[in-house]
Amino acid sequence: MASMALQLPTALPPWPHHLDYGVLLLVAALFLATILAHRYWRGQIRAEDRAAATALDAERALGRYREAFRQLPAPAAFVDRATGLVMEAAPGWTAAELPAPGEPLFQGDPELEAAWRTILPPGAEPRPSVPLRIRGRAFRAQPLEGASLGVVLVLPQ
């Protein structure tokens, strides 16, 4: 019997099909899209981290100012401009027996209410402080701007 040795080709046969450039372009486009999506995703994460850090810094600063206001010995209060309700008061305000938080500043006092109504509306320029007489004591009302728009700081004159 003849030897039945298996003969393997020594060279690869020629590629039977031509290279499809459309498929190659699609693969390259998907690869590029993946890279761009990854960069966008990383940018979003960095932006969210910066926003969270900024919010945390603002919260810390607000906490420090709030704590300082709550220890203020002078009679001072934050009052809503539209309603005249005392929103927050310093200990000196409550010690002077002025309207407590949640109560209207001008409790039946028409002169004080008329003076309160002279405070300029938000956005009016310039913003001078308005003199007020609350229970016989002289105060000044300073309208706040920015994030505190619509809030009036009432301080002793």
Protein backbone atom coordinates (compact mmCIF):
# COMPACT_ATOMS: atom_id res chain seq x y z
CA MET A 1 0.00 0.00 0.00
CA ALA A 2 1.06 3.33 -0.73
CA SER A 3 1.76 5.60 2.12
CA MET A 4 -1.18 7.68 3.01
CA ALA A 5 0.59 10.67 4.27
CA LEU A 6 -1.43 13.79 4.57
CA GLN A 7 0.02 16.59 2.61
CA LEU A 8 -0.55 20.07 4.00
CA PRO A 9 -0.26 23.10 1.80
CA THR A 10 2.83 25.10 2.48
CA ALA A 11 1.26 28.50 1.67
CA LEU A 12 -2.12 29.97 2.49
CA PRO A 13 -4.57 30.15 -0.34
CA PRO A 14 -5.30 33.62 -1.68
CA TRP A 15 -8.08 35.61 0.06
CA PRO A 16 -11.21 34.80 -1.86
CA HIS A 17 -13.04 38.10 -1.21
CA HIS A 18 -12.06 41.69 -1.61
CA LEU A 19 -11.78 43.79 1.57
CA ASP A 20 -15.09 45.50 2.31
CA TYR A 21 -14.17 49.10 3.08
CA GLY A 22 -17.67 49.89 4.39
CA VAL A 23 -17.28 47.36 7.20
CA LEU A 24 -13.81 48.70 7.96
CA LEU A 25 -15.18 52.25 8.09
CA LEU A 26 -18.01 51.13 10.39
CA VAL A 27 -15.59 49.44 12.79
CA ALA A 28 -13.37 52.54 12.84
CA ALA A 29 -16.41 54.79 13.47
CA LEU A 30 -17.58 52.60 16.36
CA PHE A 31 -14.10 52.65 17.86
CA LEU A 32 -13.95 56.44 17.61
CA ALA A 33 -17.47 56.76 19.05
CA THR A 34 -16.45 54.59 22.00
CA ILE A 35 -13.45 56.82 22.70
CA LEU A 36 -15.54 59.99 22.46
CA ALA A 37 -18.30 58.56 24.68
CA HIS A 38 -15.70 57.60 27.29
CA ARG A 39 -14.21 61.12 27.25
CA TYR A 40 -17.69 62.67 27.57
CA TRP A 41 -18.54 60.34 30.45
CA ARG A 42 -15.30 61.21 32.29
CA GLY A 43 -15.96 64.92 31.72
CA GLN A 44 -19.43 64.56 33.20
CA ILE A 45 -18.03 62.82 36.26
CA ARG A 46 -15.48 65.61 36.75
CA ALA A 47 -18.20 68.27 36.37
CA GLU A 48 -20.43 66.50 38.91
CA ASP A 49 -17.51 66.25 41.34
CA ARG A 50 -16.77 69.98 40.97
CA ALA A 51 -20.45 70.85 41.50
CA ALA A 52 -20.63 68.66 44.61
CA ALA A 53 -17.47 70.23 46.04
CA THR A 54 -18.81 73.73 45.36
CA ALA A 55 -22.14 72.89 47.02
CA LEU A 56 -20.32 71.45 50.03
CA ASP A 57 -18.18 74.59 50.36
CA ALA A 58 -21.27 76.79 50.12
CA GLU A 59 -23.05 74.68 52.74
CA ARG A 60 -20.09 74.99 55.12
CA ALA A 61 -19.94 78.76 54.64
CA LEU A 62 -23.70 79.09 55.13
CA GLY A 63 -23.46 77.01 58.30
CA ARG A 64 -20.74 79.27 59.69
CA TYR A 65 -22.74 82.43 58.93
CA ARG A 66 -25.93 80.91 60.33
CA GLU A 67 -24.14 79.88 63.52
CA ALA A 68 -22.60 83.35 63.88
CA PHE A 69 -26.02 84.97 63.38
CA ARG A 70 -27.58 82.70 66.00
CA GLN A 71 -24.99 83.87 68.53
CA LEU A 72 -25.30 87.58 67.70
CA PRO A 73 -26.05 89.55 70.90
CA ALA A 74 -27.47 92.55 68.99
CA PRO A 75 -31.18 92.59 68.13
CA ALA A 76 -31.28 91.55 64.47
CA ALA A 77 -33.73 89.58 62.35
CA PHE A 78 -34.39 88.38 58.83
CA VAL A 79 -37.87 89.44 57.72
CA ASP A 80 -39.78 88.50 54.57
CA ARG A 81 -40.25 91.66 52.50
CA ALA A 82 -43.65 90.74 51.05
CA THR A 83 -45.43 89.49 54.18
CA GLY A 84 -43.47 91.18 56.97
CA LEU A 85 -43.10 87.89 58.85
CA VAL A 86 -39.99 87.46 60.98
CA MET A 87 -38.16 84.48 59.46
CA GLU A 88 -35.19 84.15 61.79
CA ALA A 89 -34.11 86.20 64.79
CA ALA A 90 -30.88 86.58 66.73
CA PRO A 91 -30.92 85.96 70.50
CA GLY A 92 -30.67 89.73 71.11
CA TRP A 93 -33.91 90.18 69.14
CA THR A 94 -35.82 87.73 71.31
CA ALA A 95 -34.23 89.12 74.48
CA ALA A 96 -35.55 92.58 73.55
CA GLU A 97 -39.06 91.05 73.34
CA LEU A 98 -39.50 91.93 69.69
CA PRO A 99 -41.80 89.85 67.42
CA ALA A 100 -40.78 86.19 67.49
CA PRO A 101 -40.03 84.17 64.35
CA GLY A 102 -43.27 83.41 62.52
CA GLU A 103 -45.01 86.55 63.77
CA PRO A 104 -45.58 89.71 61.69
CA LEU A 105 -43.15 92.54 62.33
CA PHE A 106 -45.86 95.21 62.41
CA GLN A 107 -48.41 93.71 64.79
CA GLY A 108 -51.22 96.25 64.41
CA ASP A 109 -48.87 99.25 64.13
CA PRO A 110 -50.02 101.22 61.04
CA GLU A 111 -47.03 103.60 61.10
CA LEU A 112 -44.56 100.70 61.09
CA GLU A 113 -46.53 98.98 58.33
CA ALA A 114 -46.48 102.17 56.22
CA ALA A 115 -42.72 102.51 56.77
CA TRP A 116 -42.26 98.83 55.87
CA ARG A 117 -44.13 99.35 52.58
CA THR A 118 -41.60 102.05 51.58
CA ILE A 119 -38.88 99.42 51.18
CA LEU A 120 -38.03 99.31 47.50
CA PRO A 121 -39.09 96.21 45.53
CA PRO A 122 -36.47 93.65 44.48
CA GLY A 123 -34.29 94.88 41.64
CA ALA A 124 -34.77 98.61 42.33
CA GLU A 125 -31.59 100.70 42.42
CA PRO A 126 -30.21 102.09 44.68
CA ARG A 127 -31.16 100.10 47.78
CA PRO A 128 -30.95 102.47 50.75
CA SER A 129 -31.72 101.25 54.24
CA VAL A 130 -35.13 102.28 55.55
CA PRO A 131 -35.46 103.67 59.12
CA LEU A 132 -38.05 101.88 61.27
CA ARG A 133 -39.38 102.33 64.82
CA ILE A 134 -40.26 99.00 66.39
CA ARG A 135 -41.69 99.20 69.91
CA GLY A 136 -39.98 102.53 70.53
CA ARG A 137 -36.54 101.45 69.29
CA ALA A 138 -34.82 102.68 66.12
CA PHE A 139 -33.96 100.04 63.51
CA ARG A 140 -32.88 100.09 59.90
CA ALA A 141 -34.10 97.69 57.23
CA GLN A 142 -31.53 96.60 54.67
CA PRO A 143 -32.96 94.67 51.67
CA LEU A 144 -30.73 91.78 50.65
CA GLU A 145 -29.84 90.76 47.12
CA GLY A 146 -28.65 87.69 45.27
CA ALA A 147 -29.79 84.37 46.70
CA SER A 148 -31.51 86.23 49.56
CA LEU A 149 -33.65 88.41 47.31
CA GLY A 150 -36.94 89.22 49.04
CA VAL A 151 -35.40 89.03 52.53
CA VAL A 152 -34.79 92.14 54.61
CA LEU A 153 -32.19 92.32 57.37
CA VAL A 154 -33.46 94.42 60.27
CA LEU A 155 -30.64 95.83 62.45
CA PRO A 156 -30.44 98.42 65.21
CA GLN A 157 -29.77 101.94 63.96
